[in-house]
Amino acid sequence: MREMAFEVLEILEDAGKAISTSEMAERLSMDAAELVPLIRELVSLGYDISSTGDEMHSLVSRSDRILPYELNKKLRTRFVGKDLRYSDSIPSTLAAAKRLAQEKDAEELHGTVVVSEQQTGGVGRMGRSWASPPGGIWATVVLKTHIPIDRLFMVTMAGSLAIARAIRREYDLLALIKWPNDIFIGSKKVAGLLQEVDTEGDVVNHVLLGMGINANVDLSELPDELRKIATSLHEEIGEPVDRTKFLARVLKEFELRLLQLESGEYDTIVREWKSLSLTLNRRVHVKTMTKSFKGEAIDIDQHGALIIRKDNGKVEKVIAGDLFQL
């Protein structure tokens, strides 16, 4: 029924004014009574449709949901996001994408995006819960990439760059990247990423890149411990953002950098990441699975590892861990 509902929406869009039930029914070769549930479906999806009884209908305003129909109108990519799997609410887009990649050919899924209006069991790094209330952008990209396995962390770097650049270009905000996977505006976090890789030996079965962006999130809905350190795009610009338009921009920026990685332009990604780094040349406290130390973040290497000059003068490479900027 949803596909037919969007055929009704196309007619309302093309009309640009009130159109009669009988005219719409004639265009769709259906009985007028069959239009009623289709219009109700559109209203349930967030479209404001003015109806005068059962006679005349007009589109007043569009839905603010991240619907495939709306994204396709704004998407300017070759393959990322062309297949959008949408849900009103699911436990986790990452978990849903993982099931999808296990059930289907990853080559055919390359670039597929799973998105949900909210997550009830969102997961961040180290298995931590991720608050995902309505108003955010909660999405996971499925990839069957041929980037060498020792370069796969750079997919996260490409995603971080995509979000930071999209924020800068769409809203003129100075978004920066905190290693390894967070996007900050000023001193507050606005987005984060989580990468999961499935491999067999040197063969990469698939890569999943989860993105969580506080677009129009009501900050009062976040847990108390997050309110002090989080912000949203709505909060920063003073008005709601068009989430579909912004996601389309993020996916375009991501695809550009993914293609750079796949063509071996690793230095290009590293240079751009450094130019937007909130971490480099800062004193930091690093906690890994086995140790904890303080020092200065002096560089990242060609694989995305952070280089720290410890307080004892020794230089150490950090591949994974929690980082706190001092």
Protein backbone atom coordinates (compact mmCIF):
# COMPACT_ATOMS: atom_id res chain seq x y z
CA MET A 1 0.00 0.00 0.00
CA ARG A 2 2.88 2.37 0.73
CA GLU A 3 4.10 2.29 -2.89
CA MET A 4 0.63 3.22 -4.12
CA ALA A 5 0.46 5.98 -1.52
CA PHE A 6 3.57 7.56 -3.01
CA GLU A 7 1.96 7.43 -6.45
CA VAL A 8 -0.83 9.53 -4.94
CA LEU A 9 1.80 11.86 -3.50
CA GLU A 10 3.39 12.33 -6.94
CA ILE A 11 0.04 13.40 -8.33
CA LEU A 12 -0.45 15.89 -5.47
CA GLU A 13 3.05 17.26 -6.08
CA ASP A 14 2.56 17.60 -9.82
CA ALA A 15 -0.80 19.31 -9.39
CA GLY A 16 0.61 22.09 -7.22
CA LYS A 17 -2.94 22.91 -6.15
CA ALA A 18 -6.10 21.16 -4.98
CA ILE A 19 -7.04 18.19 -7.14
CA SER A 20 -10.25 16.20 -7.06
CA THR A 21 -10.62 12.63 -5.90
CA SER A 22 -12.15 11.64 -9.23
CA GLU A 23 -9.21 13.04 -11.22
CA MET A 24 -6.65 11.24 -9.05
CA ALA A 25 -8.63 8.00 -9.28
CA GLU A 26 -8.78 8.31 -13.04
CA ARG A 27 -5.01 8.84 -13.31
CA LEU A 28 -4.36 5.79 -11.16
CA SER A 29 -7.05 3.66 -12.82
CA MET A 30 -8.73 2.84 -9.51
CA ASP A 31 -11.96 3.41 -7.71
CA ALA A 32 -12.24 6.69 -5.80
CA ALA A 33 -12.94 4.81 -2.55
CA GLU A 34 -9.52 3.15 -2.81
CA LEU A 35 -7.82 6.54 -2.49
CA VAL A 36 -8.99 7.12 1.07
CA PRO A 37 -6.61 4.66 2.81
CA LEU A 38 -3.75 5.83 0.59
CA ILE A 39 -4.19 9.45 1.65
CA ARG A 40 -4.46 8.31 5.28
CA GLU A 41 -1.19 6.42 4.82
CA LEU A 42 0.54 9.60 3.62
CA VAL A 43 -0.82 11.53 6.60
CA SER A 44 0.45 8.80 8.94
CA LEU A 45 3.91 9.25 7.38
CA GLY A 46 3.92 12.94 8.28
CA TYR A 47 2.60 14.62 5.14
CA ASP A 48 0.14 17.44 5.74
CA ILE A 49 -2.66 17.00 3.23
CA SER A 50 -5.65 19.33 3.15
CA SER A 51 -8.86 17.56 2.20
CA THR A 52 -12.29 19.06 1.66
CA GLY A 53 -14.51 16.14 2.48
CA ASP A 54 -13.73 13.46 -0.08
CA GLU A 55 -13.68 15.86 -3.01
CA MET A 56 -10.54 18.03 -3.16
CA HIS A 57 -7.03 17.36 -1.83
CA SER A 58 -3.80 19.38 -1.75
CA LEU A 59 -0.32 18.88 -0.33
CA VAL A 60 0.33 21.50 2.38
CA SER A 61 3.75 20.38 3.64
CA ARG A 62 6.13 17.45 3.27
CA SER A 63 7.02 14.83 5.84
CA ASP A 64 10.13 15.45 7.95
CA ARG A 65 10.89 11.73 8.12
CA ILE A 66 13.88 10.22 6.32
CA LEU A 67 11.77 8.29 3.82
CA PRO A 68 13.29 6.60 0.75
CA TYR A 69 10.96 8.62 -1.48
CA GLU A 70 12.28 11.90 -0.05
CA LEU A 71 15.95 10.86 0.05
CA ASN A 72 15.91 9.75 -3.58
CA LYS A 73 14.83 13.25 -4.61
CA LYS A 74 17.89 14.79 -2.96
CA LEU A 75 20.55 12.10 -3.29
CA ARG A 76 23.47 12.85 -5.62
CA THR A 77 25.52 9.67 -5.31
CA ARG A 78 26.43 6.84 -7.65
CA PHE A 79 25.59 4.00 -5.28
CA VAL A 80 25.69 4.95 -1.58
CA GLY A 81 22.13 5.31 -0.31
CA LYS A 82 20.44 4.30 -3.55
CA ASP A 83 19.02 1.36 -1.62
CA LEU A 84 17.54 2.75 1.62
CA ARG A 85 15.99 0.39 4.18
CA TYR A 86 13.73 2.52 6.40
CA SER A 87 12.16 1.79 9.79
CA ASP A 88 10.13 3.85 12.22
CA SER A 89 11.86 2.20 15.17
CA ILE A 90 14.29 -0.72 15.51
CA PRO A 91 16.72 -1.81 18.22
CA SER A 92 19.82 -0.96 16.13
CA THR A 93 20.51 -0.06 12.50
CA LEU A 94 23.92 -1.73 12.89
CA ALA A 95 22.33 -5.01 13.99
CA ALA A 96 19.77 -4.82 11.19
CA ALA A 97 22.52 -4.14 8.63
CA LYS A 98 24.54 -7.06 9.99
CA ARG A 99 21.60 -9.45 9.54
CA LEU A 100 21.09 -8.11 6.03
CA ALA A 101 24.75 -8.64 5.13
CA GLN A 102 24.64 -12.20 6.45
CA GLU A 103 21.47 -13.08 4.55
CA LYS A 104 22.27 -11.52 1.17
CA ASP A 105 25.16 -11.09 -1.23
CA ALA A 106 27.29 -8.26 0.16
CA GLU A 107 28.34 -7.25 -3.37
CA GLU A 108 24.70 -6.52 -4.21
CA LEU A 109 24.26 -4.62 -0.94
CA HIS A 110 27.31 -2.37 -1.46
CA GLY A 111 26.20 1.14 -0.52
CA THR A 112 22.89 0.09 1.06
CA VAL A 113 21.86 2.30 3.98
CA VAL A 114 19.71 1.15 6.90
CA VAL A 115 18.05 4.08 8.66
CA SER A 116 15.56 4.41 11.50
CA GLU A 117 13.71 7.30 13.11
CA GLN A 118 14.84 5.99 16.48
CA GLN A 119 16.82 3.12 17.98
CA THR A 120 15.75 1.36 21.14
CA GLY A 121 19.04 -0.48 21.60
CA GLY A 122 21.68 1.63 19.91
CA VAL A 123 25.28 0.61 20.61
CA GLY A 124 28.43 2.74 20.62
CA ARG A 125 32.10 1.88 21.00
CA MET A 126 33.15 -0.78 23.53
CA GLY A 127 29.53 -2.01 23.66
CA ARG A 128 28.25 1.12 25.37
CA SER A 129 24.61 2.10 24.89
CA TRP A 130 23.92 4.90 22.42
CA ALA A 131 20.97 7.21 23.10
CA SER A 132 18.97 7.40 19.85
CA PRO A 133 15.72 9.31 20.39
CA PRO A 134 13.51 10.68 17.58
CA GLY A 135 14.95 13.63 15.68
CA GLY A 136 18.39 12.21 15.04
CA ILE A 137 19.94 10.48 12.06
CA TRP A 138 20.59 6.86 12.97
CA ALA A 139 22.01 5.00 9.97
CA THR A 140 24.38 2.21 8.95
CA VAL A 141 26.06 1.84 5.56
CA VAL A 142 26.74 -1.67 4.23
CA LEU A 143 29.93 -1.97 2.17
CA LYS A 144 31.65 -4.70 0.21
CA THR A 145 34.85 -2.77 -0.30
CA HIS A 146 38.18 -3.90 -1.72
CA ILE A 147 40.24 -1.59 0.48
CA PRO A 148 43.17 -3.58 1.96
CA ILE A 149 42.36 -5.02 5.36
CA ASP A 150 45.12 -3.03 7.08
CA ARG A 151 43.53 0.20 5.78
CA LEU A 152 39.95 -0.50 6.81
CA PHE A 153 39.99 1.91 9.76
CA MET A 154 40.21 4.64 7.13
CA VAL A 155 36.56 3.94 6.30
CA THR A 156 35.77 5.46 9.70
CA MET A 157 38.03 8.38 8.84
CA ALA A 158 36.10 8.85 5.57
CA GLY A 159 32.82 8.82 7.49
CA SER A 160 34.10 11.33 10.04
CA LEU A 161 35.26 13.64 7.26
CA ALA A 162 31.91 13.30 5.50
CA ILE A 163 29.92 14.39 8.55
CA ALA A 164 32.29 17.21 9.49
CA ARG A 165 32.39 18.56 5.92
CA ALA A 166 28.62 18.29 5.54
CA ILE A 167 28.09 20.28 8.74
CA ARG A 168 30.55 22.94 7.62
CA ARG A 169 29.13 23.26 4.11
CA GLU A 170 25.45 23.10 5.00
CA TYR A 171 25.44 25.20 8.18
CA ASP A 172 28.80 27.03 8.29
CA LEU A 173 29.62 25.51 11.68
CA LEU A 174 33.22 24.66 12.62
CA ALA A 175 32.84 20.92 13.10
CA LEU A 176 36.04 19.08 14.07
CA ILE A 177 36.98 15.41 14.49
CA LYS A 178 38.04 13.93 17.82
CA TRP A 179 40.00 10.72 17.35
CA PRO A 180 38.92 8.07 16.73
CA ASN A 181 35.30 8.58 15.71
CA ASP A 182 33.53 11.62 17.20
CA ILE A 183 32.44 14.91 15.63
CA PHE A 184 32.45 17.99 17.84
CA ILE A 185 31.13 21.52 17.52
CA GLY A 186 33.00 23.59 20.06
CA SER A 187 33.37 21.49 23.19
CA LYS A 188 30.32 19.30 22.57
CA LYS A 189 29.75 16.12 20.63
CA VAL A 190 27.23 16.21 17.79
CA ALA A 191 27.90 12.87 16.06
CA GLY A 192 29.76 9.60 16.31
CA LEU A 193 30.59 6.58 14.20
CA LEU A 194 31.04 2.87 14.81
CA GLN A 195 32.68 0.47 12.36
CA GLU A 196 32.25 -3.29 12.34
CA VAL A 197 34.19 -5.57 10.00
CA ASP A 198 33.52 -9.19 9.07
CA THR A 199 36.59 -10.99 7.71
CA GLU A 200 37.86 -14.46 6.95
CA GLY A 201 41.63 -14.39 6.87
CA ASP A 202 42.58 -11.63 4.45
CA VAL A 203 39.13 -11.62 2.86
CA VAL A 204 36.74 -8.84 3.88
CA ASN A 205 33.17 -10.16 3.76
CA HIS A 206 31.62 -6.80 4.56
CA VAL A 207 32.15 -3.54 6.41
CA LEU A 208 29.40 -1.82 8.37
CA LEU A 209 29.69 1.88 9.22
CA GLY A 210 27.19 3.13 11.76
CA MET A 211 26.48 6.85 12.03
CA GLY A 212 24.67 8.65 14.81
CA ILE A 213 24.00 12.36 14.32
CA ASN A 214 22.13 14.61 16.75
CA ALA A 215 20.25 16.53 14.09
CA ASN A 216 16.97 17.66 15.69
CA VAL A 217 17.31 15.67 18.89
CA ASP A 218 15.67 17.21 21.95
CA LEU A 219 18.67 17.33 24.28
CA SER A 220 16.42 17.06 27.32
CA GLU A 221 15.63 13.50 26.20
CA LEU A 222 19.26 12.45 26.54
CA PRO A 223 20.55 10.78 29.73
CA ASP A 224 21.79 13.23 32.36
CA GLU A 225 25.45 12.30 31.84
CA LEU A 226 25.22 13.17 28.13
CA ARG A 227 23.46 16.53 28.31
CA LYS A 228 26.59 18.33 29.48
CA ILE A 229 28.76 17.02 26.66
CA ALA A 230 26.31 16.76 23.73
CA THR A 231 24.80 19.22 21.30
CA SER A 232 22.59 19.04 18.20
CA LEU A 233 22.51 20.77 14.84
CA HIS A 234 19.14 22.26 15.83
CA GLU A 235 20.70 23.68 19.00
CA GLU A 236 23.67 25.13 17.12
CA ILE A 237 21.80 26.87 14.29
CA GLY A 238 18.67 27.77 16.25
CA GLU A 239 16.15 25.99 14.02
CA PRO A 240 15.29 22.46 12.89
CA VAL A 241 17.39 21.04 10.06
CA ASP A 242 16.14 19.15 7.03
CA ARG A 243 17.40 15.72 8.04
CA THR A 244 16.83 14.13 4.64
CA LYS A 245 18.74 16.87 2.86
CA PHE A 246 21.56 16.66 5.38
CA LEU A 247 21.81 12.86 5.17
CA ALA A 248 21.94 13.13 1.37
CA ARG A 249 24.88 15.54 1.75
CA VAL A 250 26.67 13.24 4.22
CA LEU A 251 26.29 10.26 1.90
CA LYS A 252 27.61 12.26 -1.05
CA GLU A 253 30.65 13.40 0.96
CA PHE A 254 31.21 9.85 2.20
CA GLU A 255 31.02 8.26 -1.24
CA LEU A 256 33.58 10.76 -2.55
CA ARG A 257 36.10 9.77 0.12
CA LEU A 258 35.30 6.08 -0.10
CA LEU A 259 36.15 6.19 -3.80
CA GLN A 260 39.41 7.96 -2.95
CA LEU A 261 40.28 5.14 -0.57
CA GLU A 262 39.38 2.49 -3.12
CA SER A 263 41.67 4.16 -5.65
CA GLY A 264 44.55 4.19 -3.14
CA GLU A 265 44.50 7.92 -2.30
CA TYR A 266 45.28 7.30 1.36
CA ASP A 267 47.46 10.39 1.77
CA THR A 268 44.57 12.58 0.60
CA ILE A 269 42.32 11.25 3.36
CA VAL A 270 45.02 11.54 6.02
CA ARG A 271 45.82 15.15 5.08
CA GLU A 272 42.18 16.19 5.16
CA TRP A 273 41.61 14.40 8.46
CA LYS A 274 44.57 16.21 10.02
CA SER A 275 43.22 19.55 8.79
CA LEU A 276 39.98 18.94 10.72
CA SER A 277 41.47 17.27 13.79
CA LEU A 278 40.45 18.38 17.26
CA THR A 279 42.98 15.97 18.77
CA LEU A 280 46.39 16.64 17.25
CA ASN A 281 48.79 18.84 19.20
CA ARG A 282 46.64 18.40 22.30
CA ARG A 283 47.47 16.84 25.64
CA VAL A 284 45.44 13.66 26.03
CA HIS A 285 44.74 10.78 28.38
CA VAL A 286 44.53 7.40 26.63
CA LYS A 287 42.94 4.25 28.03
CA THR A 288 43.37 0.98 26.14
CA MET A 289 42.33 -2.55 27.12
CA THR A 290 45.67 -3.07 28.87
CA LYS A 291 47.00 0.30 30.03
CA SER A 292 46.42 3.97 30.64
CA PHE A 293 48.79 6.90 30.03
CA LYS A 294 48.99 10.63 29.29
CA GLY A 295 50.91 12.53 26.67
CA GLU A 296 50.64 14.71 23.56
CA ALA A 297 48.89 13.61 20.38
CA ILE A 298 51.50 14.41 17.75
CA ASP A 299 50.34 12.63 14.59
CA ILE A 300 48.31 9.87 12.96
CA ASP A 301 49.92 7.28 10.72
CA GLN A 302 48.87 6.08 7.27
CA HIS A 303 46.47 3.55 8.78
CA GLY A 304 44.71 5.96 11.13
CA ALA A 305 46.54 5.03 14.33
CA LEU A 306 47.18 7.88 16.76
CA ILE A 307 50.79 8.67 17.65
CA ILE A 308 51.32 9.81 21.25
CA ARG A 309 54.46 11.25 22.82
CA LYS A 310 54.05 10.00 26.37
CA ASP A 311 55.02 12.04 29.41
CA ASN A 312 58.12 9.84 29.81
CA GLY A 313 59.26 10.89 26.34
CA LYS A 314 58.54 7.59 24.62
CA VAL A 315 56.40 7.53 21.48
CA GLU A 316 53.54 5.06 21.30
CA LYS A 317 51.06 4.13 18.58
CA VAL A 318 47.42 3.72 19.63
CA ILE A 319 45.20 1.66 17.35
CA ALA A 320 42.12 1.50 19.58
CA GLY A 321 41.07 2.87 22.93
CA ASP A 322 39.30 5.69 24.75
CA LEU A 323 40.79 9.14 24.45
CA PHE A 324 40.16 12.06 26.79
CA GLN A 325 41.43 15.49 25.83
CA LEU A 326 42.96 17.37 28.76
